[in-house]
Amino acid sequence: MPPTILVIHGPNLNMLGRREPQIYGTTTLADIDAALLDRGAAAGVNVVCIQSNHEGELVDAIQAHGWDTLGIIINPGALTHYGLSLRDALAMLSAPIIEVHLSNVYQREAFRHTSVIAPIARGQITGLGWRGYLLALEWLLAERLTANGTTQG
């Protein structure tokens, strides 16, 4: 079984492509997932993508898939600011976490400037649209190679 990278999409991300395209663009969640799956397959990595509008379902997915994953890419959506059970589920894991946001949250409303996920994440990619997910995946793939001693970082 190839190694796995877990991708978690929070509330309302299932509406990408229709939801406020002036902020989030016209790329759909299915498009993002397809790009991640293709890149993962090319690198010999299984990418598991999960979306839910319910925090408990995301926690269940983390508990089910997170223990043996190489890394986690998460766009927590609105849970970024108050999803403490989501944060605690992620904090239990040893895998690196990359937080991704399509828009630059720091150019938006003040409530979006605080993330409960950021303190436990290895890094954050914000404002680069759907490509931020691919950048996070590339970083995790490079970390995997570095950990296996096949490249220097």
Protein backbone atom coordinates (compact mmCIF):
# COMPACT_ATOMS: atom_id res chain seq x y z
CA MET A 1 0.00 0.00 0.00
CA PRO A 2 1.49 3.38 -0.97
CA PRO A 3 1.93 6.04 1.71
CA THR A 4 -1.01 8.41 2.24
CA ILE A 5 -1.45 12.17 2.45
CA LEU A 6 -4.74 13.33 3.95
CA VAL A 7 -6.49 16.41 2.54
CA ILE A 8 -9.26 17.92 4.65
CA HIS A 9 -11.70 20.50 3.32
CA GLY A 10 -13.93 22.23 5.86
CA PRO A 11 -17.38 23.81 5.70
CA ASN A 12 -18.68 25.36 2.49
CA LEU A 13 -15.70 24.30 0.40
CA ASN A 14 -18.03 21.94 -1.45
CA MET A 15 -19.49 25.10 -2.98
CA LEU A 16 -16.26 26.23 -4.65
CA GLY A 17 -16.84 27.35 -8.21
CA ARG A 18 -20.23 28.79 -7.26
CA ARG A 19 -19.47 30.48 -3.93
CA GLU A 20 -18.23 34.07 -4.22
CA PRO A 21 -16.05 33.48 -7.30
CA GLN A 22 -14.60 36.99 -6.95
CA ILE A 23 -12.95 35.76 -3.72
CA TYR A 24 -12.54 32.01 -4.20
CA GLY A 25 -12.30 31.68 -7.98
CA THR A 26 -14.17 29.35 -10.29
CA THR A 27 -12.19 26.17 -9.70
CA THR A 28 -14.38 23.53 -8.08
CA LEU A 29 -13.48 21.27 -5.19
CA ALA A 30 -13.65 18.31 -7.60
CA ASP A 31 -11.05 20.08 -9.78
CA ILE A 32 -8.76 20.62 -6.78
CA ASP A 33 -9.12 17.03 -5.61
CA ALA A 34 -8.43 15.70 -9.12
CA ALA A 35 -5.23 17.75 -9.38
CA LEU A 36 -4.09 16.49 -5.96
CA LEU A 37 -4.91 12.87 -6.81
CA ASP A 38 -3.06 13.11 -10.14
CA ARG A 39 0.04 14.64 -8.57
CA GLY A 40 -0.01 12.15 -5.71
CA ALA A 41 -0.32 9.20 -8.11
CA ALA A 42 2.62 10.52 -10.15
CA ALA A 43 4.69 10.60 -6.95
CA GLY A 44 3.55 7.15 -5.78
CA VAL A 45 1.47 8.56 -2.93
CA ASN A 46 -2.18 7.88 -2.14
CA VAL A 47 -4.08 11.14 -1.58
CA VAL A 48 -7.29 10.88 0.45
CA CYS A 49 -9.57 13.93 0.17
CA ILE A 50 -12.37 14.53 2.64
CA GLN A 51 -14.87 17.38 2.83
CA SER A 52 -17.54 17.97 5.41
CA ASN A 53 -19.64 20.82 6.69
CA HIS A 54 -19.63 19.17 10.13
CA GLU A 55 -16.70 19.44 12.51
CA GLY A 56 -17.36 16.06 14.14
CA GLU A 57 -17.16 14.28 10.78
CA LEU A 58 -13.79 15.90 10.13
CA VAL A 59 -12.58 14.81 13.57
CA ASP A 60 -13.76 11.25 12.82
CA ALA A 61 -11.85 11.30 9.52
CA ILE A 62 -8.67 12.53 11.21
CA GLN A 63 -8.95 9.79 13.82
CA ALA A 64 -9.56 7.17 11.12
CA HIS A 65 -6.87 8.24 8.64
CA GLY A 66 -4.43 10.52 10.41
CA TRP A 67 -2.28 8.13 12.40
CA ASP A 68 -0.46 6.59 9.46
CA THR A 69 -0.38 9.53 7.08
CA LEU A 70 2.75 11.24 5.74
CA GLY A 71 1.11 14.62 6.18
CA ILE A 72 -2.11 16.57 6.29
CA ILE A 73 -3.24 19.44 4.11
CA ILE A 74 -6.17 21.25 5.66
CA ASN A 75 -8.38 24.12 4.65
CA PRO A 76 -10.58 24.33 7.74
CA GLY A 77 -12.84 27.03 6.29
CA ALA A 78 -14.74 28.83 9.06
CA LEU A 79 -13.49 26.21 11.54
CA THR A 80 -10.14 27.98 11.26
CA HIS A 81 -11.28 30.47 13.88
CA TYR A 82 -13.12 28.33 16.42
CA GLY A 83 -12.75 24.62 15.57
CA LEU A 84 -11.13 23.53 18.81
CA SER A 85 -12.10 19.86 18.55
CA LEU A 86 -10.65 19.86 15.02
CA ARG A 87 -7.46 21.47 16.34
CA ASP A 88 -7.19 18.93 19.17
CA ALA A 89 -7.66 16.00 16.77
CA LEU A 90 -4.87 17.32 14.56
CA ALA A 91 -2.60 18.02 17.54
CA MET A 92 -2.67 14.31 18.51
CA LEU A 93 -0.84 13.37 15.32
CA SER A 94 2.86 13.45 14.56
CA ALA A 95 2.45 14.07 10.82
CA PRO A 96 3.21 17.57 9.54
CA ILE A 97 0.17 19.77 8.93
CA ILE A 98 -0.05 22.46 6.27
CA GLU A 99 -2.94 24.93 6.58
CA VAL A 100 -4.23 26.26 3.25
CA HIS A 101 -6.59 29.14 2.48
CA LEU A 102 -7.63 30.12 -1.03
CA SER A 103 -7.95 33.82 -0.23
CA ASN A 104 -5.51 35.97 1.70
CA VAL A 105 -7.32 35.90 5.02
CA TYR A 106 -5.10 38.72 6.31
CA GLN A 107 -6.55 41.11 3.71
CA ARG A 108 -10.09 40.31 4.79
CA GLU A 109 -12.24 40.86 7.88
CA ALA A 110 -10.38 40.96 11.21
CA PHE A 111 -12.07 37.80 12.54
CA ARG A 112 -10.37 35.83 9.76
CA HIS A 113 -6.90 36.82 11.00
CA THR A 114 -6.88 34.33 13.89
CA SER A 115 -6.40 30.61 13.33
CA VAL A 116 -6.63 27.97 16.04
CA ILE A 117 -4.90 25.59 13.59
CA ALA A 118 -1.82 27.75 12.83
CA PRO A 119 -0.03 27.09 16.16
CA ILE A 120 0.06 23.34 15.46
CA ALA A 121 0.70 23.59 11.70
CA ARG A 122 4.15 23.33 10.17
CA GLY A 123 3.19 26.07 7.76
CA GLN A 124 0.39 28.10 6.23
CA ILE A 125 -0.29 28.94 2.58
CA THR A 126 -2.79 31.72 2.08
CA GLY A 127 -3.98 33.79 -0.85
CA LEU A 128 -2.62 31.68 -3.71
CA GLY A 129 -5.96 30.19 -4.74
CA TRP A 130 -6.36 26.49 -5.50
CA ARG A 131 -2.65 26.20 -6.31
CA GLY A 132 -1.93 26.57 -2.60
CA TYR A 133 -3.08 22.98 -2.17
CA LEU A 134 -0.58 21.79 -4.79
CA LEU A 135 2.20 23.79 -3.15
CA ALA A 136 1.38 22.14 0.17
CA LEU A 137 1.45 18.71 -1.49
CA GLU A 138 4.82 19.46 -3.13
CA TRP A 139 6.25 20.46 0.24
CA LEU A 140 5.00 17.24 1.87
CA LEU A 141 6.45 15.18 -0.98
CA ALA A 142 9.80 16.94 -0.61
CA GLU A 143 9.71 16.33 3.15
CA ARG A 144 9.10 12.64 2.49
CA LEU A 145 12.17 12.46 0.27
CA THR A 146 14.27 14.35 2.83
CA ALA A 147 13.10 12.02 5.63
CA ASN A 148 14.03 9.00 3.50
CA GLY A 149 17.49 10.45 2.95
CA THR A 150 17.14 10.67 -0.83
CA THR A 151 17.55 14.41 -1.08
CA GLN A 152 18.90 17.33 0.90
CA GLY A 153 16.54 20.16 1.83
